[in-house]
Amino acid sequence: MSADLDHTIVHVRNRRAAADHVVEMLDLDPAVDYGPFAMVRLGNQAVLAFADTLGRPRAAHFAFLVEPAEFEQIRGRLADRGITTYTDPAHREEGVDEARADGGRGLYWDDPDGNNLEILTVPDGGWPTDHPRRPS
């Protein structure tokens, strides 16, 4: 038995601005309004449901697995907008992690609400043994 993530709710100050930021940086389809949410569908069909919250939003961490070419495109969009990227989730060092423990590359940045966003080219823990992208 397995379970796939269908959606997660992301509490933010401005649902439309937060959704638009993720859509723009990751080059995704525009967000769709659904009740109190701005819904952003990811490539694996999971949804980030952005919701306005009262007071200060709770910061969260979201990691997005992307192809190496997409990684470079996203990195370029972040740089073009003057958004600082970091090698680690604690933001101790600026730049890109070029030597992750499981291979691949990764970087972190904050969205406008302080959520910690990450892109990586190899999943944490490496590729499952039966995954088609796992190197031989």
Protein backbone atom coordinates (compact mmCIF):
# COMPACT_ATOMS: atom_id res chain seq x y z
CA MET A 1 0.00 0.00 0.00
CA SER A 2 1.21 3.52 -0.71
CA ALA A 3 -0.15 7.02 -0.40
CA ASP A 4 0.54 10.01 -2.63
CA LEU A 5 0.36 13.59 -1.44
CA ASP A 6 -2.78 15.20 -2.88
CA HIS A 7 -2.45 18.71 -1.42
CA THR A 8 -1.07 20.75 1.43
CA ILE A 9 -2.33 24.08 2.74
CA VAL A 10 0.20 26.91 2.86
CA HIS A 11 -0.75 29.76 5.23
CA VAL A 12 0.39 33.14 3.88
CA ARG A 13 -0.37 36.86 4.18
CA ASN A 14 -1.54 37.13 0.55
CA ARG A 15 -2.56 33.90 -1.15
CA ARG A 16 -2.46 35.31 -4.66
CA ALA A 17 1.02 36.87 -4.27
CA ALA A 18 2.43 33.71 -2.69
CA ALA A 19 0.92 31.44 -5.35
CA ASP A 20 2.11 33.73 -8.14
CA HIS A 21 5.66 33.68 -6.71
CA VAL A 22 5.83 29.87 -6.82
CA VAL A 23 4.20 29.77 -10.26
CA GLU A 24 6.68 32.30 -11.64
CA MET A 25 9.82 30.81 -10.09
CA LEU A 26 8.97 27.19 -10.99
CA ASP A 27 7.31 28.04 -14.33
CA LEU A 28 4.04 26.29 -13.45
CA ASP A 29 0.51 26.77 -14.72
CA PRO A 30 -1.29 29.74 -13.15
CA ALA A 31 -3.00 29.28 -9.80
CA VAL A 32 -6.71 28.51 -9.80
CA ASP A 33 -9.07 29.98 -7.20
CA TYR A 34 -11.00 27.32 -5.29
CA GLY A 35 -12.98 28.58 -2.32
CA PRO A 36 -10.54 30.33 0.05
CA PHE A 37 -7.49 28.91 -1.75
CA ALA A 38 -5.20 29.80 -4.64
CA MET A 39 -4.37 26.30 -5.88
CA VAL A 40 -1.06 25.55 -7.64
CA ARG A 41 -0.79 22.12 -9.23
CA LEU A 42 2.66 20.55 -9.39
CA GLY A 43 3.93 18.15 -12.06
CA ASN A 44 3.13 15.09 -9.96
CA GLN A 45 -0.45 16.42 -9.57
CA ALA A 46 -0.04 17.34 -5.89
CA VAL A 47 -1.47 20.76 -5.04
CA LEU A 48 -0.17 23.64 -2.93
CA ALA A 49 -3.31 25.33 -1.62
CA PHE A 50 -2.36 28.88 -0.57
CA ALA A 51 -4.68 30.36 2.07
CA ASP A 52 -4.75 33.81 3.62
CA THR A 53 -4.15 33.66 7.34
CA LEU A 54 -4.73 36.20 10.06
CA GLY A 55 -1.64 37.46 11.81
CA ARG A 56 1.82 36.15 11.09
CA PRO A 57 1.93 33.06 8.86
CA ARG A 58 3.69 29.95 10.12
CA ALA A 59 6.85 29.38 8.12
CA ALA A 60 7.11 26.03 6.38
CA HIS A 61 9.55 24.19 4.13
CA PHE A 62 8.71 22.96 0.63
CA ALA A 63 11.15 21.03 -1.57
CA PHE A 64 10.59 20.66 -5.31
CA LEU A 65 12.31 17.91 -7.30
CA VAL A 66 13.26 19.26 -10.73
CA GLU A 67 15.27 18.18 -13.77
CA PRO A 68 18.81 19.62 -14.04
CA ALA A 69 17.80 21.93 -16.93
CA GLU A 70 14.83 23.23 -14.93
CA PHE A 71 17.15 23.79 -11.97
CA GLU A 72 19.23 26.19 -14.06
CA GLN A 73 16.15 28.01 -15.36
CA ILE A 74 14.78 28.49 -11.84
CA ARG A 75 18.20 29.59 -10.57
CA GLY A 76 18.29 32.17 -13.36
CA ARG A 77 14.82 33.53 -12.52
CA LEU A 78 15.80 33.89 -8.87
CA ALA A 79 19.02 35.71 -9.80
CA ASP A 80 17.17 37.96 -12.28
CA ARG A 81 14.88 39.09 -9.45
CA GLY A 82 17.70 39.61 -6.96
CA ILE A 83 16.54 36.78 -4.70
CA THR A 84 19.37 35.38 -2.60
CA THR A 85 19.83 31.60 -2.67
CA TYR A 86 21.54 29.48 -0.06
CA THR A 87 23.38 26.17 0.10
CA ASP A 88 21.55 25.05 3.24
CA PRO A 89 18.11 25.38 4.84
CA ALA A 90 19.47 27.48 7.72
CA HIS A 91 20.74 30.07 5.21
CA ARG A 92 24.29 30.06 6.58
CA GLU A 93 26.00 30.24 3.17
CA GLU A 94 24.85 31.92 -0.02
CA GLY A 95 24.96 30.04 -3.30
CA VAL A 96 24.13 26.58 -4.61
CA ASP A 97 24.90 23.21 -3.00
CA GLU A 98 26.91 21.52 -5.74
CA ALA A 99 27.88 18.43 -3.72
CA ARG A 100 24.80 17.05 -1.97
CA ALA A 101 25.21 13.81 -0.03
CA ASP A 102 22.91 11.92 -2.42
CA GLY A 103 24.32 13.52 -5.57
CA GLY A 104 22.74 16.24 -7.61
CA ARG A 105 22.40 19.90 -6.75
CA GLY A 106 20.16 21.98 -4.53
CA LEU A 107 19.43 25.49 -3.36
CA TYR A 108 17.13 27.26 -0.91
CA TRP A 109 15.38 30.63 -0.83
CA ASP A 110 12.61 32.36 1.10
CA ASP A 111 9.29 33.23 -0.45
CA PRO A 112 7.67 36.60 0.41
CA ASP A 113 6.17 35.10 3.60
CA GLY A 114 9.40 33.55 4.86
CA ASN A 115 8.60 29.99 3.82
CA ASN A 116 11.79 28.11 3.04
CA LEU A 117 11.64 26.84 -0.56
CA GLU A 118 14.08 24.33 -2.02
CA ILE A 119 14.80 22.88 -5.42
CA LEU A 120 16.84 19.71 -5.81
CA THR A 121 17.80 17.44 -8.70
CA VAL A 122 18.06 14.18 -6.73
CA PRO A 123 15.63 13.33 -3.91
CA ASP A 124 16.94 13.31 -0.35
CA GLY A 125 18.03 9.74 0.35
CA GLY A 126 18.76 9.17 -3.35
CA TRP A 127 16.59 7.58 -6.02
CA PRO A 128 14.50 4.53 -5.02
CA THR A 129 15.96 1.34 -6.49
CA ASP A 130 13.04 0.92 -8.91
CA HIS A 131 12.84 4.56 -10.05
CA PRO A 132 13.31 5.15 -13.81
CA ARG A 133 15.62 8.14 -13.19
CA ARG A 134 17.95 6.16 -10.92
CA PRO A 135 21.40 5.91 -12.57
CA SER A 136 22.54 2.39 -13.45
